[in-house]
């Protein structure tokens, strides 16, 4: 299992567009039900976005990157950002009813 945390801040005029693209990813995830992926996104009030991705394969491969909506989200993400994406491995230290059963 691999867990990653991705953090970035969008430009002031790009927060809503970014959130819309992310919403499309979640709609496609709900329709496609890909196995081996858990995904959470938060938007802070300053348009910082935090994505938490958990995949069940050691190499981090998942059905997420194959989704058309995810590819649309990825396209131009750096141009929407005031602070570029920072990807880090993450470990859950505690979880109380937020992420489901560990």
PDB file of N, CA and C in Angstrom:
ATOM      1  N   UNK A   1       0.835  -1.167   0.000  1.00  0.00           N
ATOM      2  CA  UNK A   1       0.000   0.000   0.000  1.00  0.00           C
ATOM      3  C   UNK A   1       0.890   1.243   0.000  1.00  0.00           C
ATOM      4  N   UNK A   2       0.485   2.221  -0.788  1.00  0.00           N
ATOM      5  CA  UNK A   2       1.250   3.454  -0.885  1.00  0.00           C
ATOM      6  C   UNK A   2       0.309   4.629  -0.625  1.00  0.00           C
ATOM      7  N   UNK A   3       0.763   5.571   0.190  1.00  0.00           N
ATOM      8  CA  UNK A   3      -0.026   6.750   0.515  1.00  0.00           C
ATOM      9  C   UNK A   3       0.775   7.988   0.176  1.00  0.00           C
ATOM     10  N   UNK A   4       0.107   8.923  -0.502  1.00  0.00           N
ATOM     11  CA  UNK A   4       0.770  10.163  -0.887  1.00  0.00           C
ATOM     12  C   UNK A   4      -0.102  11.353  -0.536  1.00  0.00           C
ATOM     13  N   UNK A   5       0.569  12.444  -0.174  1.00  0.00           N
ATOM     14  CA  UNK A   5      -0.089  13.708   0.096  1.00  0.00           C
ATOM     15  C   UNK A   5       0.438  14.713  -0.919  1.00  0.00           C
ATOM     16  N   UNK A   6      -0.467  15.369  -1.616  1.00  0.00           N
ATOM     17  CA  UNK A   6      -0.092  16.362  -2.624  1.00  0.00           C
ATOM     18  C   UNK A   6      -0.680  17.698  -2.185  1.00  0.00           C
ATOM     19  N   UNK A   7       0.157  18.723  -2.164  1.00  0.00           N
ATOM     20  CA  UNK A   7      -0.263  20.046  -1.715  1.00  0.00           C
ATOM     21  C   UNK A   7       0.173  21.083  -2.736  1.00  0.00           C
ATOM     22  N   UNK A   8      -0.730  22.013  -3.034  1.00  0.00           N
ATOM     23  CA  UNK A   8      -0.405  23.128  -3.914  1.00  0.00           C
ATOM     24  C   UNK A   8      -1.403  24.249  -3.671  1.00  0.00           C
ATOM     25  N   UNK A   9      -1.081  25.429  -4.152  1.00  0.00           N
ATOM     26  CA  UNK A   9      -1.977  26.575  -4.025  1.00  0.00           C
ATOM     27  C   UNK A   9      -2.252  27.109  -5.415  1.00  0.00           C
ATOM     28  N   UNK A  10      -3.532  27.330  -5.707  1.00  0.00           N
ATOM     29  CA  UNK A  10      -3.876  27.864  -7.018  1.00  0.00           C
ATOM     30  C   UNK A  10      -3.778  29.386  -7.020  1.00  0.00           C
ATOM     31  N   UNK A  11      -3.708  29.927  -8.205  1.00  0.00           N
ATOM     32  CA  UNK A  11      -3.786  31.375  -8.370  1.00  0.00           C
ATOM     33  C   UNK A  11      -5.182  31.813  -7.912  1.00  0.00           C
ATOM     34  N   UNK A  12      -5.315  33.066  -7.447  1.00  0.00           N
ATOM     35  CA  UNK A  12      -6.603  33.512  -6.895  1.00  0.00           C
ATOM     36  C   UNK A  12      -7.803  33.296  -7.826  1.00  0.00           C
ATOM     37  N   UNK A  13      -7.607  33.453  -9.114  1.00  0.00           N
ATOM     38  CA  UNK A  13      -8.722  33.318 -10.053  1.00  0.00           C
ATOM     39  C   UNK A  13      -8.903  31.891 -10.580  1.00  0.00           C
ATOM     40  N   UNK A  14      -8.139  30.935 -10.074  1.00  0.00           N
ATOM     41  CA  UNK A  14      -8.191  29.564 -10.581  1.00  0.00           C
ATOM     42  C   UNK A  14      -8.747  28.547  -9.580  1.00  0.00           C
ATOM     43  N   UNK A  15      -9.037  28.966  -8.363  1.00  0.00           N
ATOM     44  CA  UNK A  15      -9.513  28.038  -7.339  1.00  0.00           C
ATOM     45  C   UNK A  15     -10.812  27.338  -7.722  1.00  0.00           C
ATOM     46  N   UNK A  16     -11.787  28.099  -8.211  1.00  0.00           N
ATOM     47  CA  UNK A  16     -13.070  27.502  -8.577  1.00  0.00           C
ATOM     48  C   UNK A  16     -12.937  26.560  -9.771  1.00  0.00           C
ATOM     49  N   UNK A  17     -12.130  26.950 -10.750  1.00  0.00           N
ATOM     50  CA  UNK A  17     -11.921  26.070 -11.910  1.00  0.00           C
ATOM     51  C   UNK A  17     -11.273  24.759 -11.457  1.00  0.00           C
ATOM     52  N   UNK A  18     -10.260  24.860 -10.614  1.00  0.00           N
ATOM     53  CA  UNK A  18      -9.575  23.673 -10.101  1.00  0.00           C
ATOM     54  C   UNK A  18     -10.548  22.774  -9.337  1.00  0.00           C
ATOM     55  N   UNK A  19     -11.372  23.378  -8.488  1.00  0.00           N
ATOM     56  CA  UNK A  19     -12.356  22.609  -7.718  1.00  0.00           C
ATOM     57  C   UNK A  19     -13.362  21.924  -8.644  1.00  0.00           C
ATOM     58  N   UNK A  20     -13.749  22.583  -9.715  1.00  0.00           N
ATOM     59  CA  UNK A  20     -14.661  21.980 -10.676  1.00  0.00           C
ATOM     60  C   UNK A  20     -14.056  20.773 -11.370  1.00  0.00           C
ATOM     61  N   UNK A  21     -12.793  20.869 -11.724  1.00  0.00           N
ATOM     62  CA  UNK A  21     -12.101  19.741 -12.352  1.00  0.00           C
ATOM     63  C   UNK A  21     -11.980  18.568 -11.378  1.00  0.00           C
ATOM     64  N   UNK A  22     -11.724  18.869 -10.123  1.00  0.00           N
ATOM     65  CA  UNK A  22     -11.630  17.822  -9.099  1.00  0.00           C
ATOM     66  C   UNK A  22     -12.998  17.163  -8.893  1.00  0.00           C
ATOM     67  N   UNK A  23     -14.046  17.952  -8.878  1.00  0.00           N
ATOM     68  CA  UNK A  23     -15.400  17.390  -8.736  1.00  0.00           C
ATOM     69  C   UNK A  23     -15.716  16.417  -9.858  1.00  0.00           C
ATOM     70  N   UNK A  24     -15.256  16.730 -11.062  1.00  0.00           N
ATOM     71  CA  UNK A  24     -15.461  15.821 -12.197  1.00  0.00           C
ATOM     72  C   UNK A  24     -14.704  14.508 -11.991  1.00  0.00           C
ATOM     73  N   UNK A  25     -13.524  14.578 -11.381  1.00  0.00           N
ATOM     74  CA  UNK A  25     -12.764  13.357 -11.077  1.00  0.00           C
ATOM     75  C   UNK A  25     -13.557  12.481 -10.115  1.00  0.00           C
ATOM     76  N   UNK A  26     -14.111  13.087  -9.062  1.00  0.00           N
ATOM     77  CA  UNK A  26     -14.877  12.307  -8.090  1.00  0.00           C
ATOM     78  C   UNK A  26     -16.148  11.729  -8.703  1.00  0.00           C
ATOM     79  N   UNK A  27     -16.783  12.464  -9.607  1.00  0.00           N
ATOM     80  CA  UNK A  27     -17.976  11.933 -10.281  1.00  0.00           C
ATOM     81  C   UNK A  27     -17.607  10.707 -11.119  1.00  0.00           C
ATOM     82  N   UNK A  28     -16.476  10.785 -11.819  1.00  0.00           N
ATOM     83  CA  UNK A  28     -16.053   9.635 -12.623  1.00  0.00           C
ATOM     84  C   UNK A  28     -15.611   8.468 -11.741  1.00  0.00           C
ATOM     85  N   UNK A  29     -14.967   8.761 -10.621  1.00  0.00           N
ATOM     86  CA  UNK A  29     -14.603   7.695  -9.682  1.00  0.00           C
ATOM     87  C   UNK A  29     -15.848   6.956  -9.187  1.00  0.00           C
ATOM     88  N   UNK A  30     -16.876   7.704  -8.841  1.00  0.00           N
ATOM     89  CA  UNK A  30     -18.119   7.082  -8.360  1.00  0.00           C
ATOM     90  C   UNK A  30     -18.761   6.219  -9.431  1.00  0.00           C
ATOM     91  N   UNK A  31     -18.653   6.633 -10.679  1.00  0.00           N
ATOM     92  CA  UNK A  31     -19.251   5.866 -11.778  1.00  0.00           C
ATOM     93  C   UNK A  31     -18.408   4.646 -12.147  1.00  0.00           C
ATOM     94  N   UNK A  32     -17.072   4.792 -12.123  1.00  0.00           N
ATOM     95  CA  UNK A  32     -16.177   3.726 -12.589  1.00  0.00           C
ATOM     96  C   UNK A  32     -15.829   2.710 -11.504  1.00  0.00           C
ATOM     97  N   UNK A  33     -15.847   3.111 -10.248  1.00  0.00           N
ATOM     98  CA  UNK A  33     -15.496   2.237  -9.124  1.00  0.00           C
ATOM     99  C   UNK A  33     -14.167   1.506  -9.315  1.00  0.00           C
ATOM    100  N   UNK A  34     -13.079   2.220  -9.622  1.00  0.00           N
ATOM    101  CA  UNK A  34     -11.812   1.512  -9.804  1.00  0.00           C
ATOM    102  C   UNK A  34     -11.338   0.883  -8.495  1.00  0.00           C
ATOM    103  N   UNK A  35     -10.797  -0.294  -8.594  1.00  0.00           N
ATOM    104  CA  UNK A  35     -10.279  -1.003  -7.421  1.00  0.00           C
ATOM    105  C   UNK A  35      -8.911  -0.453  -7.054  1.00  0.00           C
ATOM    106  N   UNK A  36      -8.572  -0.577  -5.780  1.00  0.00           N
ATOM    107  CA  UNK A  36      -7.213  -0.286  -5.337  1.00  0.00           C
ATOM    108  C   UNK A  36      -6.878   1.169  -5.130  1.00  0.00           C
ATOM    109  N   UNK A  37      -7.886   2.044  -5.044  1.00  0.00           N
ATOM    110  CA  UNK A  37      -7.589   3.457  -4.829  1.00  0.00           C
ATOM    111  C   UNK A  37      -8.592   4.057  -3.843  1.00  0.00           C
ATOM    112  N   UNK A  38      -8.066   4.890  -2.949  1.00  0.00           N
ATOM    113  CA  UNK A  38      -8.872   5.722  -2.059  1.00  0.00           C
ATOM    114  C   UNK A  38      -8.344   7.138  -2.225  1.00  0.00           C
ATOM    115  N   UNK A  39      -9.238   8.110  -2.242  1.00  0.00           N
ATOM    116  CA  UNK A  39      -8.845   9.459  -2.642  1.00  0.00           C
ATOM    117  C   UNK A  39      -9.672  10.490  -1.875  1.00  0.00           C
ATOM    118  N   UNK A  40      -9.011  11.493  -1.358  1.00  0.00           N
ATOM    119  CA  UNK A  40      -9.645  12.570  -0.607  1.00  0.00           C
ATOM    120  C   UNK A  40      -9.004  13.879  -1.030  1.00  0.00           C
ATOM    121  N   UNK A  41      -9.824  14.913  -1.227  1.00  0.00           N
ATOM    122  CA  UNK A  41      -9.292  16.234  -1.548  1.00  0.00           C
ATOM    123  C   UNK A  41      -9.920  17.269  -0.635  1.00  0.00           C
ATOM    124  N   UNK A  42      -9.081  18.165  -0.128  1.00  0.00           N
ATOM    125  CA  UNK A  42      -9.526  19.283   0.699  1.00  0.00           C
ATOM    126  C   UNK A  42      -9.148  20.587   0.013  1.00  0.00           C
ATOM    127  N   UNK A  43     -10.010  21.591   0.158  1.00  0.00           N
ATOM    128  CA  UNK A  43      -9.698  22.940  -0.318  1.00  0.00           C
ATOM    129  C   UNK A  43      -9.716  23.854   0.896  1.00  0.00           C
ATOM    130  N   UNK A  44      -8.600  24.511   1.150  1.00  0.00           N
ATOM    131  CA  UNK A  44      -8.517  25.456   2.255  1.00  0.00           C
ATOM    132  C   UNK A  44      -9.015  26.824   1.792  1.00  0.00           C
ATOM    133  N   UNK A  45      -9.315  27.688   2.732  1.00  0.00           N
ATOM    134  CA  UNK A  45      -9.905  28.982   2.385  1.00  0.00           C
ATOM    135  C   UNK A  45      -8.968  29.890   1.585  1.00  0.00           C
ATOM    136  N   UNK A  46      -7.671  29.611   1.568  1.00  0.00           N
ATOM    137  CA  UNK A  46      -6.733  30.410   0.782  1.00  0.00           C
ATOM    138  C   UNK A  46      -6.442  29.780  -0.583  1.00  0.00           C
ATOM    139  N   UNK A  47      -7.285  28.836  -1.012  1.00  0.00           N
ATOM    140  CA  UNK A  47      -7.154  28.113  -2.282  1.00  0.00           C
ATOM    141  C   UNK A  47      -5.939  27.197  -2.326  1.00  0.00           C
ATOM    142  N   UNK A  48      -5.515  26.736  -1.160  1.00  0.00           N
ATOM    143  CA  UNK A  48      -4.561  25.638  -1.083  1.00  0.00           C
ATOM    144  C   UNK A  48      -5.377  24.350  -1.185  1.00  0.00           C
ATOM    145  N   UNK A  49      -4.913  23.426  -2.014  1.00  0.00           N
ATOM    146  CA  UNK A  49      -5.579  22.142  -2.176  1.00  0.00           C
ATOM    147  C   UNK A  49      -4.673  21.053  -1.626  1.00  0.00           C
ATOM    148  N   UNK A  50      -5.285  20.108  -0.946  1.00  0.00           N
ATOM    149  CA  UNK A  50      -4.559  18.979  -0.383  1.00  0.00           C
ATOM    150  C   UNK A  50      -5.258  17.706  -0.846  1.00  0.00           C
ATOM    151  N   UNK A  51      -4.506  16.860  -1.513  1.00  0.00           N
ATOM    152  CA  UNK A  51      -5.026  15.583  -1.991  1.00  0.00           C
ATOM    153  C   UNK A  51      -4.341  14.472  -1.195  1.00  0.00           C
ATOM    154  N   UNK A  52      -5.124  13.500  -0.753  1.00  0.00           N
ATOM    155  CA  UNK A  52      -4.579  12.318  -0.102  1.00  0.00           C
ATOM    156  C   UNK A  52      -4.988  11.124  -0.948  1.00  0.00           C
ATOM    157  N   UNK A  53      -3.989  10.379  -1.428  1.00  0.00           N
ATOM    158  CA  UNK A  53      -4.232   9.245  -2.309  1.00  0.00           C
ATOM    159  C   UNK A  53      -3.631   7.999  -1.681  1.00  0.00           C
ATOM    160  N   UNK A  54      -4.435   6.951  -1.612  1.00  0.00           N
ATOM    161  CA  UNK A  54      -3.959   5.661  -1.113  1.00  0.00           C
ATOM    162  C   UNK A  54      -4.196   4.623  -2.201  1.00  0.00           C
ATOM    163  N   UNK A  55      -3.144   3.916  -2.555  1.00  0.00           N
ATOM    164  CA  UNK A  55      -3.256   2.844  -3.541  1.00  0.00           C
ATOM    165  C   UNK A  55      -2.803   1.545  -2.902  1.00  0.00           C
ATOM    166  N   UNK A  56      -3.386   0.443  -3.354  1.00  0.00           N
ATOM    167  CA  UNK A  56      -3.072  -0.837  -2.738  1.00  0.00           C
ATOM    168  C   UNK A  56      -1.860  -1.514  -3.358  1.00  0.00           C
ATOM    169  N   UNK A  57      -1.364  -0.985  -4.461  1.00  0.00           N
ATOM    170  CA  UNK A  57      -0.174  -1.573  -5.072  1.00  0.00           C
ATOM    171  C   UNK A  57       1.070  -0.845  -4.582  1.00  0.00           C
ATOM    172  N   UNK A  58       2.159  -1.565  -4.469  1.00  0.00           N
ATOM    173  CA  UNK A  58       3.408  -0.963  -3.978  1.00  0.00           C
ATOM    174  C   UNK A  58       3.957   0.104  -4.909  1.00  0.00           C
ATOM    175  N   UNK A  59       3.697  -0.024  -6.208  1.00  0.00           N
ATOM    176  CA  UNK A  59       4.228   0.957  -7.155  1.00  0.00           C
ATOM    177  C   UNK A  59       3.332   2.187  -7.284  1.00  0.00           C
ATOM    178  N   UNK A  60       2.202   2.192  -6.580  1.00  0.00           N
ATOM    179  CA  UNK A  60       1.313   3.342  -6.607  1.00  0.00           C
ATOM    180  C   UNK A  60       0.384   3.389  -7.798  1.00  0.00           C
ATOM    181  N   UNK A  61       0.416   2.381  -8.646  1.00  0.00           N
ATOM    182  CA  UNK A  61      -0.453   2.354  -9.817  1.00  0.00           C
ATOM    183  C   UNK A  61      -1.903   2.197  -9.378  1.00  0.00           C
ATOM    184  N   UNK A  62      -2.794   2.890 -10.070  1.00  0.00           N
ATOM    185  CA  UNK A  62      -4.218   2.782  -9.759  1.00  0.00           C
ATOM    186  C   UNK A  62      -5.022   3.155 -10.988  1.00  0.00           C
ATOM    187  N   UNK A  63      -6.309   2.920 -10.905  1.00  0.00           N
ATOM    188  CA  UNK A  63      -7.201   3.298 -11.982  1.00  0.00           C
ATOM    189  C   UNK A  63      -7.424   4.793 -12.060  1.00  0.00           C
ATOM    190  N   UNK A  64      -6.981   5.540 -11.071  1.00  0.00           N
ATOM    191  CA  UNK A  64      -7.194   6.980 -11.037  1.00  0.00           C
ATOM    192  C   UNK A  64      -6.593   7.688 -12.243  1.00  0.00           C
ATOM    193  N   UNK A  65      -5.359   7.383 -12.559  1.00  0.00           N
ATOM    194  CA  UNK A  65      -4.673   8.091 -13.641  1.00  0.00           C
ATOM    195  C   UNK A  65      -5.233   7.754 -15.020  1.00  0.00           C
ATOM    196  N   UNK A  66      -6.006   6.676 -15.118  1.00  0.00           N
ATOM    197  CA  UNK A  66      -6.604   6.298 -16.397  1.00  0.00           C
ATOM    198  C   UNK A  66      -7.922   7.007 -16.668  1.00  0.00           C
ATOM    199  N   UNK A  67      -8.471   7.671 -15.683  1.00  0.00           N
ATOM    200  CA  UNK A  67      -9.756   8.343 -15.849  1.00  0.00           C
ATOM    201  C   UNK A  67      -9.610   9.598 -16.708  1.00  0.00           C
ATOM    202  N   UNK A  68     -10.553   9.787 -17.623  1.00  0.00           N
ATOM    203  CA  UNK A  68     -10.518  10.969 -18.499  1.00  0.00           C
ATOM    204  C   UNK A  68     -10.592  12.259 -17.678  1.00  0.00           C
ATOM    205  N   UNK A  69     -11.417  12.270 -16.638  1.00  0.00           N
ATOM    206  CA  UNK A  69     -11.550  13.468 -15.805  1.00  0.00           C
ATOM    207  C   UNK A  69     -10.249  13.781 -15.070  1.00  0.00           C
ATOM    208  N   UNK A  70      -9.523  12.744 -14.647  1.00  0.00           N
ATOM    209  CA  UNK A  70      -8.250  12.974 -13.971  1.00  0.00           C
ATOM    210  C   UNK A  70      -7.218  13.520 -14.958  1.00  0.00           C
ATOM    211  N   UNK A  71      -7.219  13.007 -16.154  1.00  0.00           N
ATOM    212  CA  UNK A  71      -6.310  13.508 -17.178  1.00  0.00           C
ATOM    213  C   UNK A  71      -6.619  14.966 -17.511  1.00  0.00           C
ATOM    214  N   UNK A  72      -7.910  15.328 -17.542  1.00  0.00           N
ATOM    215  CA  UNK A  72      -8.297  16.723 -17.775  1.00  0.00           C
ATOM    216  C   UNK A  72      -7.843  17.605 -16.614  1.00  0.00           C
ATOM    217  N   UNK A  73      -7.965  17.095 -15.389  1.00  0.00           N
ATOM    218  CA  UNK A  73      -7.504  17.827 -14.212  1.00  0.00           C
ATOM    219  C   UNK A  73      -5.990  18.052 -14.278  1.00  0.00           C
ATOM    220  N   UNK A  74      -5.247  17.021 -14.632  1.00  0.00           N
ATOM    221  CA  UNK A  74      -3.786  17.112 -14.706  1.00  0.00           C
ATOM    222  C   UNK A  74      -3.320  18.091 -15.784  1.00  0.00           C
ATOM    223  N   UNK A  75      -4.076  18.169 -16.866  1.00  0.00           N
ATOM    224  CA  UNK A  75      -3.713  19.050 -17.971  1.00  0.00           C
ATOM    225  C   UNK A  75      -3.820  20.505 -17.517  1.00  0.00           C
ATOM    226  N   UNK A  76      -2.717  21.192 -17.491  1.00  0.00           N
ATOM    227  CA  UNK A  76      -2.708  22.600 -17.115  1.00  0.00           C
ATOM    228  C   UNK A  76      -2.670  22.874 -15.626  1.00  0.00           C
ATOM    229  N   UNK A  77      -2.460  21.841 -14.803  1.00  0.00           N
ATOM    230  CA  UNK A  77      -2.472  22.075 -13.359  1.00  0.00           C
ATOM    231  C   UNK A  77      -1.373  23.064 -12.950  1.00  0.00           C
ATOM    232  N   UNK A  78      -0.221  22.976 -13.550  1.00  0.00           N
ATOM    233  CA  UNK A  78       0.870  23.899 -13.172  1.00  0.00           C
ATOM    234  C   UNK A  78       0.544  25.338 -13.546  1.00  0.00           C
ATOM    235  N   UNK A  79      -0.187  25.525 -14.624  1.00  0.00           N
ATOM    236  CA  UNK A  79      -0.576  26.882 -15.017  1.00  0.00           C
ATOM    237  C   UNK A  79      -1.624  27.461 -14.065  1.00  0.00           C
ATOM    238  N   UNK A  80      -2.403  26.616 -13.415  1.00  0.00           N
ATOM    239  CA  UNK A  80      -3.408  27.078 -12.452  1.00  0.00           C
ATOM    240  C   UNK A  80      -2.800  27.396 -11.091  1.00  0.00           C
ATOM    241  N   UNK A  81      -1.551  26.995 -10.879  1.00  0.00           N
ATOM    242  CA  UNK A  81      -0.947  27.073  -9.544  1.00  0.00           C
ATOM    243  C   UNK A  81      -0.114  28.324  -9.318  1.00  0.00           C
ATOM    244  N   UNK A  82      -0.266  28.882  -8.116  1.00  0.00           N
ATOM    245  CA  UNK A  82       0.642  29.921  -7.630  1.00  0.00           C
ATOM    246  C   UNK A  82       1.830  29.262  -6.934  1.00  0.00           C
ATOM    247  N   UNK A  83       1.583  28.101  -6.310  1.00  0.00           N
ATOM    248  CA  UNK A  83       2.620  27.270  -5.702  1.00  0.00           C
ATOM    249  C   UNK A  83       2.488  25.890  -6.319  1.00  0.00           C
ATOM    250  N   UNK A  84       3.552  25.368  -6.926  1.00  0.00           N
ATOM    251  CA  UNK A  84       3.446  24.090  -7.643  1.00  0.00           C
ATOM    252  C   UNK A  84       3.174  22.911  -6.711  1.00  0.00           C
ATOM    253  N   UNK A  85       2.632  21.825  -7.276  1.00  0.00           N
ATOM    254  CA  UNK A  85       2.345  20.634  -6.465  1.00  0.00           C
ATOM    255  C   UNK A  85       3.606  20.082  -5.804  1.00  0.00           C
ATOM    256  N   UNK A  86       3.453  19.736  -4.541  1.00  0.00           N
ATOM    257  CA  UNK A  86       4.503  19.100  -3.759  1.00  0.00           C
ATOM    258  C   UNK A  86       3.965  17.740  -3.341  1.00  0.00           C
ATOM    259  N   UNK A  87       4.622  16.685  -3.781  1.00  0.00           N
ATOM    260  CA  UNK A  87       4.170  15.319  -3.518  1.00  0.00           C
ATOM    261  C   UNK A  87       5.081  14.691  -2.484  1.00  0.00           C
ATOM    262  N   UNK A  88       4.462  14.121  -1.450  1.00  0.00           N
ATOM    263  CA  UNK A  88       5.222  13.468  -0.388  1.00  0.00           C
ATOM    264  C   UNK A  88       4.536  12.164  -0.009  1.00  0.00           C
ATOM    265  N   UNK A  89       5.333  11.179   0.349  1.00  0.00           N
ATOM    266  CA  UNK A  89       4.788   9.967   0.922  1.00  0.00           C
ATOM    267  C   UNK A  89       4.209  10.301   2.291  1.00  0.00           C
ATOM    268  N   UNK A  90       3.173   9.596   2.693  1.00  0.00           N
ATOM    269  CA  UNK A  90       2.523   9.894   3.964  1.00  0.00           C
ATOM    270  C   UNK A  90       2.161   8.602   4.678  1.00  0.00           C
ATOM    271  N   UNK A  91       2.095   8.681   5.986  1.00  0.00           N
ATOM    272  CA  UNK A  91       1.680   7.569   6.825  1.00  0.00           C
ATOM    273  C   UNK A  91       0.567   8.057   7.740  1.00  0.00           C
ATOM    274  N   UNK A  92      -0.513   7.317   7.812  1.00  0.00           N
ATOM    275  CA  UNK A  92      -1.602   7.674   8.713  1.00  0.00           C
ATOM    276  C   UNK A  92      -1.183   7.307  10.132  1.00  0.00           C
ATOM    277  N   UNK A  93      -1.170   8.294  10.999  1.00  0.00           N
ATOM    278  CA  UNK A  93      -0.808   8.088  12.390  1.00  0.00           C
ATOM    279  C   UNK A  93      -2.056   7.803  13.216  1.00  0.00           C
ATOM    280  N   UNK A  94      -3.147   8.436  12.868  1.00  0.00           N
ATOM    281  CA  UNK A  94      -4.417   8.220  13.538  1.00  0.00           C
ATOM    282  C   UNK A  94      -5.555   8.486  12.582  1.00  0.00           C
ATOM    283  N   UNK A  95      -6.666   7.796  12.780  1.00  0.00           N
ATOM    284  CA  UNK A  95      -7.822   7.941  11.905  1.00  0.00           C
ATOM    285  C   UNK A  95      -9.063   7.601  12.712  1.00  0.00           C
ATOM    286  N   UNK A  96      -9.900   8.579  12.943  1.00  0.00           N
ATOM    287  CA  UNK A  96     -11.148   8.305  13.637  1.00  0.00           C
ATOM    288  C   UNK A  96     -12.310   8.655  12.711  1.00  0.00           C
ATOM    289  N   UNK A  97     -12.866   7.647  12.066  1.00  0.00           N
ATOM    290  CA  UNK A  97     -14.051   7.730  11.235  1.00  0.00           C
ATOM    291  C   UNK A  97     -13.946   8.722  10.073  1.00  0.00           C
ATOM    292  N   UNK A  98     -12.741   9.069   9.645  1.00  0.00           N
ATOM    293  CA  UNK A  98     -12.579   9.970   8.504  1.00  0.00           C
ATOM    294  C   UNK A  98     -12.345   9.215   7.217  1.00  0.00           C
ATOM    295  N   UNK A  99     -11.498   8.233   7.258  1.00  0.00           N
ATOM    296  CA  UNK A  99     -11.074   7.557   6.042  1.00  0.00           C
ATOM    297  C   UNK A  99     -11.628   6.141   5.941  1.00  0.00           C
ATOM    298  N   UNK A 100     -12.578   5.783   6.744  1.00  0.00           N
ATOM    299  CA  UNK A 100     -13.104   4.431   6.725  1.00  0.00           C
ATOM    300  C   UNK A 100     -12.179   3.496   7.501  1.00  0.00           C
ATOM    301  N   UNK A 101     -12.421   2.227   7.362  1.00  0.00           N
ATOM    302  CA  UNK A 101     -11.591   1.250   8.068  1.00  0.00           C
ATOM    303  C   UNK A 101     -10.198   1.217   7.485  1.00  0.00           C
ATOM    304  N   UNK A 102      -9.164   1.172   8.360  1.00  0.00           N
ATOM    305  CA  UNK A 102      -7.783   1.135   7.860  1.00  0.00           C
ATOM    306  C   UNK A 102      -7.472  -0.163   7.144  1.00  0.00           C
TER     307      UNK A 102
END
